[in-house]
Amino acid sequence: MGLVHTGETEADKELWRWDHTIAETHPEFPAIRGLRPVSHQPFPAMLYRAQLRNGKATCMAPPVSVYGWADQAQYGQACLEADSFTKSCQRIVRDEAEERRALSDGWRPTPALALAELEAQQQRIGNAAAEAAYAAQRMTATAKAELKAAEEATSDHVTDVVPVRRKRGRPPTRSVAV
């Protein structure tokens, strides 16, 4: 598995600087120039979206260890699952319009911002669930039972329960044909 250089670490910044400095100071050696062009090109760009994996927020799956598998098939399956998860958390945009659409859909330019966005989203969901729990104190017994059933049906926060509407008044009379 290759290294991902996001440009956030000091080592990535130094690597970028060296790639460009050699070409600028020694134009007689064009082969020494780094793989990147001398001028900054913003696109294509990679965007990230954090997801919960096994209860932990992450943008990329960790490398799969070669140890601890019963056979090669299980190891291969674990590698495919890790690769699939990593690909679902990354997206390449080709131009500014595509980047704007992706940013509005929740994608972020760096993994750190993606993790912060997921944390903020989880905070909003938790606050809404706390407000729903507070409002449940004034609910009727039937509404409390519906909320409890909805909470037991999932491990996620329950922020809203669609109420079961019952018609008020007398039930309709049934005519009996003779």
C-alpha atoms as a PDB file:
ATOM      1  CA  MET A   1       0.000   0.000   0.000  1.00  0.00           C
ATOM      2  CA  GLY A   2       1.443   3.373  -0.971  1.00  0.00           C
ATOM      3  CA  LEU A   3       1.849   6.452   1.171  1.00  0.00           C
ATOM      4  CA  VAL A   4      -0.752   9.194   0.965  1.00  0.00           C
ATOM      5  CA  HIS A   5       0.724  12.696   0.890  1.00  0.00           C
ATOM      6  CA  THR A   6      -2.016  15.147   1.795  1.00  0.00           C
ATOM      7  CA  GLY A   7       0.238  18.154   2.255  1.00  0.00           C
ATOM      8  CA  GLU A   8      -0.714  18.554   5.904  1.00  0.00           C
ATOM      9  CA  THR A   9       2.431  17.253   7.582  1.00  0.00           C
ATOM     10  CA  GLU A  10       5.771  19.026   7.746  1.00  0.00           C
ATOM     11  CA  ALA A  11       7.398  16.157   5.832  1.00  0.00           C
ATOM     12  CA  ASP A  12       4.885  16.555   2.974  1.00  0.00           C
ATOM     13  CA  LYS A  13       5.516  20.296   2.818  1.00  0.00           C
ATOM     14  CA  GLU A  14       9.282  19.745   2.765  1.00  0.00           C
ATOM     15  CA  LEU A  15       8.955  17.107   0.039  1.00  0.00           C
ATOM     16  CA  TRP A  16       6.906  19.497  -2.078  1.00  0.00           C
ATOM     17  CA  ARG A  17       9.460  22.267  -1.519  1.00  0.00           C
ATOM     18  CA  TRP A  18      12.372  20.024  -2.543  1.00  0.00           C
ATOM     19  CA  ASP A  19      10.563  18.815  -5.662  1.00  0.00           C
ATOM     20  CA  HIS A  20      10.263  22.394  -6.833  1.00  0.00           C
ATOM     21  CA  THR A  21      13.506  23.891  -5.517  1.00  0.00           C
ATOM     22  CA  ILE A  22      15.760  21.519  -7.461  1.00  0.00           C
ATOM     23  CA  ALA A  23      14.100  22.412 -10.765  1.00  0.00           C
ATOM     24  CA  GLU A  24      14.184  26.132 -10.007  1.00  0.00           C
ATOM     25  CA  THR A  25      17.825  26.269  -8.902  1.00  0.00           C
ATOM     26  CA  HIS A  26      19.211  23.832 -11.496  1.00  0.00           C
ATOM     27  CA  PRO A  27      17.338  24.316 -14.801  1.00  0.00           C
ATOM     28  CA  GLU A  28      20.174  22.520 -16.606  1.00  0.00           C
ATOM     29  CA  PHE A  29      18.985  19.292 -14.960  1.00  0.00           C
ATOM     30  CA  PRO A  30      15.350  18.905 -16.060  1.00  0.00           C
ATOM     31  CA  ALA A  31      15.417  15.219 -15.128  1.00  0.00           C
ATOM     32  CA  ILE A  32      15.950  16.170 -11.462  1.00  0.00           C
ATOM     33  CA  ARG A  33      12.689  18.075 -11.430  1.00  0.00           C
ATOM     34  CA  GLY A  34      10.106  16.423  -9.222  1.00  0.00           C
ATOM     35  CA  LEU A  35       7.013  14.682 -10.476  1.00  0.00           C
ATOM     36  CA  ARG A  36       4.844  17.733  -9.858  1.00  0.00           C
ATOM     37  CA  PRO A  37       4.765  20.734 -12.145  1.00  0.00           C
ATOM     38  CA  VAL A  38       6.504  23.889 -10.945  1.00  0.00           C
ATOM     39  CA  SER A  39       3.260  25.870 -10.915  1.00  0.00           C
ATOM     40  CA  HIS A  40       0.415  24.945  -8.589  1.00  0.00           C
ATOM     41  CA  GLN A  41      -2.440  23.078 -10.276  1.00  0.00           C
ATOM     42  CA  PRO A  42      -5.539  22.827  -8.061  1.00  0.00           C
ATOM     43  CA  PHE A  43      -7.281  20.096 -10.078  1.00  0.00           C
ATOM     44  CA  PRO A  44      -7.665  17.170 -10.065  1.00  0.00           C
ATOM     45  CA  ALA A  45      -8.063  17.220  -6.298  1.00  0.00           C
ATOM     46  CA  MET A  46      -8.969  14.558  -3.773  1.00  0.00           C
ATOM     47  CA  LEU A  47     -11.734  15.121  -1.255  1.00  0.00           C
ATOM     48  CA  TYR A  48     -12.483  13.062   1.841  1.00  0.00           C
ATOM     49  CA  ARG A  49     -15.538  12.034   3.841  1.00  0.00           C
ATOM     50  CA  ALA A  50     -15.196  10.395   7.251  1.00  0.00           C
ATOM     51  CA  GLN A  51     -17.398   7.458   8.169  1.00  0.00           C
ATOM     52  CA  LEU A  52     -17.953   5.310  11.206  1.00  0.00           C
ATOM     53  CA  ARG A  53     -16.243   1.933  10.914  1.00  0.00           C
ATOM     54  CA  ASN A  54     -16.650  -0.461  13.821  1.00  0.00           C
ATOM     55  CA  GLY A  55     -17.795   2.471  15.944  1.00  0.00           C
ATOM     56  CA  LYS A  56     -14.705   4.574  15.174  1.00  0.00           C
ATOM     57  CA  ALA A  57     -14.589   7.646  12.928  1.00  0.00           C
ATOM     58  CA  THR A  58     -12.042   7.256  10.141  1.00  0.00           C
ATOM     59  CA  CYS A  59     -11.309   8.377   6.571  1.00  0.00           C
ATOM     60  CA  MET A  60      -9.139   5.459   5.514  1.00  0.00           C
ATOM     61  CA  ALA A  61      -8.897   1.836   6.564  1.00  0.00           C
ATOM     62  CA  PRO A  62      -5.656   0.880   8.303  1.00  0.00           C
ATOM     63  CA  PRO A  63      -3.351  -1.541   6.483  1.00  0.00           C
ATOM     64  CA  VAL A  64      -4.341  -5.174   6.862  1.00  0.00           C
ATOM     65  CA  SER A  65      -1.839  -7.328   8.753  1.00  0.00           C
ATOM     66  CA  VAL A  66      -0.688 -10.504   7.040  1.00  0.00           C
ATOM     67  CA  TYR A  67      -0.802 -12.389  10.344  1.00  0.00           C
ATOM     68  CA  GLY A  68      -3.788 -13.957  12.055  1.00  0.00           C
ATOM     69  CA  TRP A  69      -5.723 -15.300   9.060  1.00  0.00           C
ATOM     70  CA  ALA A  70      -6.740 -18.919   8.655  1.00  0.00           C
ATOM     71  CA  ASP A  71      -6.042 -18.954   4.916  1.00  0.00           C
ATOM     72  CA  GLN A  72      -5.231 -16.754   1.946  1.00  0.00           C
ATOM     73  CA  ALA A  73      -8.905 -16.308   1.037  1.00  0.00           C
ATOM     74  CA  GLN A  74      -9.730 -14.647   4.371  1.00  0.00           C
ATOM     75  CA  TYR A  75      -6.725 -12.350   4.048  1.00  0.00           C
ATOM     76  CA  GLY A  76      -7.737 -11.422   0.505  1.00  0.00           C
ATOM     77  CA  GLN A  77     -11.301 -10.698   1.636  1.00  0.00           C
ATOM     78  CA  ALA A  78     -10.023  -8.448   4.451  1.00  0.00           C
ATOM     79  CA  CYS A  79      -7.824  -6.553   1.968  1.00  0.00           C
ATOM     80  CA  LEU A  80     -10.772  -6.074  -0.402  1.00  0.00           C
ATOM     81  CA  GLU A  81     -12.976  -4.812   2.425  1.00  0.00           C
ATOM     82  CA  ALA A  82     -10.323  -2.324   3.572  1.00  0.00           C
ATOM     83  CA  ASP A  83      -9.751  -1.107   0.023  1.00  0.00           C
ATOM     84  CA  SER A  84     -13.490  -0.759  -0.589  1.00  0.00           C
ATOM     85  CA  PHE A  85     -13.943   1.278   2.594  1.00  0.00           C
ATOM     86  CA  THR A  86     -11.023   3.551   1.731  1.00  0.00           C
ATOM     87  CA  LYS A  87     -12.392   4.148  -1.772  1.00  0.00           C
ATOM     88  CA  SER A  88     -15.815   5.008  -0.343  1.00  0.00           C
ATOM     89  CA  CYS A  89     -14.184   7.727   1.794  1.00  0.00           C
ATOM     90  CA  GLN A  90     -12.256   9.372  -1.052  1.00  0.00           C
ATOM     91  CA  ARG A  91     -13.354  11.205  -4.175  1.00  0.00           C
ATOM     92  CA  ILE A  92     -11.429  12.903  -6.975  1.00  0.00           C
ATOM     93  CA  VAL A  93     -12.892  16.090  -8.450  1.00  0.00           C
ATOM     94  CA  ARG A  94     -11.812  17.374 -11.851  1.00  0.00           C
ATOM     95  CA  ASP A  95     -12.944  21.021 -11.777  1.00  0.00           C
ATOM     96  CA  GLU A  96     -14.221  23.793  -9.518  1.00  0.00           C
ATOM     97  CA  ALA A  97     -17.931  23.185 -10.162  1.00  0.00           C
ATOM     98  CA  GLU A  98     -17.611  19.510  -9.251  1.00  0.00           C
ATOM     99  CA  GLU A  99     -15.675  20.513  -6.138  1.00  0.00           C
ATOM    100  CA  ARG A 100     -18.427  22.928  -5.042  1.00  0.00           C
ATOM    101  CA  ARG A 101     -21.076  20.214  -5.469  1.00  0.00           C
ATOM    102  CA  ALA A 102     -18.977  17.717  -3.513  1.00  0.00           C
ATOM    103  CA  LEU A 103     -18.294  20.185  -0.699  1.00  0.00           C
ATOM    104  CA  SER A 104     -22.019  20.865  -0.367  1.00  0.00           C
ATOM    105  CA  ASP A 105     -22.600  17.092  -0.182  1.00  0.00           C
ATOM    106  CA  GLY A 106     -20.315  16.767   2.850  1.00  0.00           C
ATOM    107  CA  TRP A 107     -16.909  16.045   1.276  1.00  0.00           C
ATOM    108  CA  ARG A 108     -13.930  17.945   2.718  1.00  0.00           C
ATOM    109  CA  PRO A 109     -10.482  18.859   1.304  1.00  0.00           C
ATOM    110  CA  THR A 110      -8.455  17.138   4.049  1.00  0.00           C
ATOM    111  CA  PRO A 111      -8.963  14.079   6.251  1.00  0.00           C
ATOM    112  CA  ALA A 112      -8.759  16.244   9.391  1.00  0.00           C
ATOM    113  CA  LEU A 113     -11.617  18.462   8.201  1.00  0.00           C
ATOM    114  CA  ALA A 114     -13.633  15.377   7.242  1.00  0.00           C
ATOM    115  CA  LEU A 115     -13.209  13.940  10.741  1.00  0.00           C
ATOM    116  CA  ALA A 116     -14.189  17.288  12.283  1.00  0.00           C
ATOM    117  CA  GLU A 117     -17.316  17.408  10.083  1.00  0.00           C
ATOM    118  CA  LEU A 118     -18.339  13.892  11.133  1.00  0.00           C
ATOM    119  CA  GLU A 119     -17.793  14.807  14.799  1.00  0.00           C
ATOM    120  CA  ALA A 120     -19.961  17.925  14.393  1.00  0.00           C
ATOM    121  CA  GLN A 121     -22.657  15.872  12.672  1.00  0.00           C
ATOM    122  CA  GLN A 122     -22.623  13.299  15.482  1.00  0.00           C
ATOM    123  CA  GLN A 123     -22.865  16.151  18.023  1.00  0.00           C
ATOM    124  CA  ARG A 124     -25.939  17.545  16.234  1.00  0.00           C
ATOM    125  CA  ILE A 125     -27.582  14.114  16.199  1.00  0.00           C
ATOM    126  CA  GLY A 126     -26.775  13.596  19.887  1.00  0.00           C
ATOM    127  CA  ASN A 127     -28.225  16.993  20.811  1.00  0.00           C
ATOM    128  CA  ALA A 128     -31.406  16.231  18.859  1.00  0.00           C
ATOM    129  CA  ALA A 129     -31.707  12.871  20.650  1.00  0.00           C
ATOM    130  CA  ALA A 130     -31.235  14.588  24.025  1.00  0.00           C
ATOM    131  CA  GLU A 131     -33.956  17.089  23.150  1.00  0.00           C
ATOM    132  CA  ALA A 132     -36.243  14.215  22.131  1.00  0.00           C
ATOM    133  CA  ALA A 133     -35.540  12.448  25.449  1.00  0.00           C
ATOM    134  CA  TYR A 134     -36.337  15.649  27.341  1.00  0.00           C
ATOM    135  CA  ALA A 135     -39.569  16.087  25.396  1.00  0.00           C
ATOM    136  CA  ALA A 136     -40.477  12.462  26.162  1.00  0.00           C
ATOM    137  CA  GLN A 137     -41.005  13.386  29.801  1.00  0.00           C
ATOM    138  CA  ARG A 138     -44.255  15.152  28.870  1.00  0.00           C
ATOM    139  CA  MET A 139     -45.490  12.457  26.477  1.00  0.00           C
ATOM    140  CA  THR A 140     -48.421  10.176  26.998  1.00  0.00           C
ATOM    141  CA  ALA A 141     -47.846   6.566  27.947  1.00  0.00           C
ATOM    142  CA  THR A 142     -48.625   5.418  24.384  1.00  0.00           C
ATOM    143  CA  ALA A 143     -46.099   7.858  22.894  1.00  0.00           C
ATOM    144  CA  LYS A 144     -43.479   6.798  25.433  1.00  0.00           C
ATOM    145  CA  ALA A 145     -44.035   3.153  24.466  1.00  0.00           C
ATOM    146  CA  GLU A 146     -43.587   4.000  20.759  1.00  0.00           C
ATOM    147  CA  LEU A 147     -40.371   5.910  21.519  1.00  0.00           C
ATOM    148  CA  LYS A 148     -39.016   3.034  23.637  1.00  0.00           C
ATOM    149  CA  ALA A 149     -39.792   0.527  20.864  1.00  0.00           C
ATOM    150  CA  ALA A 150     -37.991   2.731  18.322  1.00  0.00           C
ATOM    151  CA  GLU A 151     -34.940   3.063  20.604  1.00  0.00           C
ATOM    152  CA  GLU A 152     -34.753  -0.692  21.130  1.00  0.00           C
ATOM    153  CA  ALA A 153     -34.949  -1.352  17.386  1.00  0.00           C
ATOM    154  CA  THR A 154     -31.662   0.448  16.605  1.00  0.00           C
ATOM    155  CA  SER A 155     -28.284   1.204  18.122  1.00  0.00           C
ATOM    156  CA  ASP A 156     -28.295   4.760  16.693  1.00  0.00           C
ATOM    157  CA  HIS A 157     -29.693   7.853  18.362  1.00  0.00           C
ATOM    158  CA  VAL A 158     -33.459   8.187  17.966  1.00  0.00           C
ATOM    159  CA  THR A 159     -34.308  11.800  17.292  1.00  0.00           C
ATOM    160  CA  ASP A 160     -37.867  11.484  16.049  1.00  0.00           C
ATOM    161  CA  VAL A 161     -40.609   8.877  15.985  1.00  0.00           C
ATOM    162  CA  VAL A 162     -43.345   8.965  13.404  1.00  0.00           C
ATOM    163  CA  PRO A 163     -46.526   8.792  15.434  1.00  0.00           C
ATOM    164  CA  VAL A 164     -49.219   6.290  14.665  1.00  0.00           C
ATOM    165  CA  ARG A 165     -52.293   8.352  13.829  1.00  0.00           C
ATOM    166  CA  ARG A 166     -55.577   7.113  15.115  1.00  0.00           C
ATOM    167  CA  LYS A 167     -58.873   8.530  14.019  1.00  0.00           C
ATOM    168  CA  ARG A 168     -60.827  10.265  16.709  1.00  0.00           C
ATOM    169  CA  GLY A 169     -64.459   9.862  17.327  1.00  0.00           C
ATOM    170  CA  ARG A 170     -66.728   6.901  16.968  1.00  0.00           C
ATOM    171  CA  PRO A 171     -65.689   3.995  14.808  1.00  0.00           C
ATOM    172  CA  PRO A 172     -67.658   3.737  11.577  1.00  0.00           C
ATOM    173  CA  THR A 173     -70.784   1.594  11.771  1.00  0.00           C
ATOM    174  CA  ARG A 174     -70.952  -1.447   9.616  1.00  0.00           C
ATOM    175  CA  SER A 175     -74.099  -2.125   7.778  1.00  0.00           C
ATOM    176  CA  VAL A 176     -75.165  -5.711   7.570  1.00  0.00           C
ATOM    177  CA  ALA A 177     -76.814  -6.831   4.356  1.00  0.00           C
ATOM    178  CA  VAL A 178     -79.800  -9.069   4.898  1.00  0.00           C
END
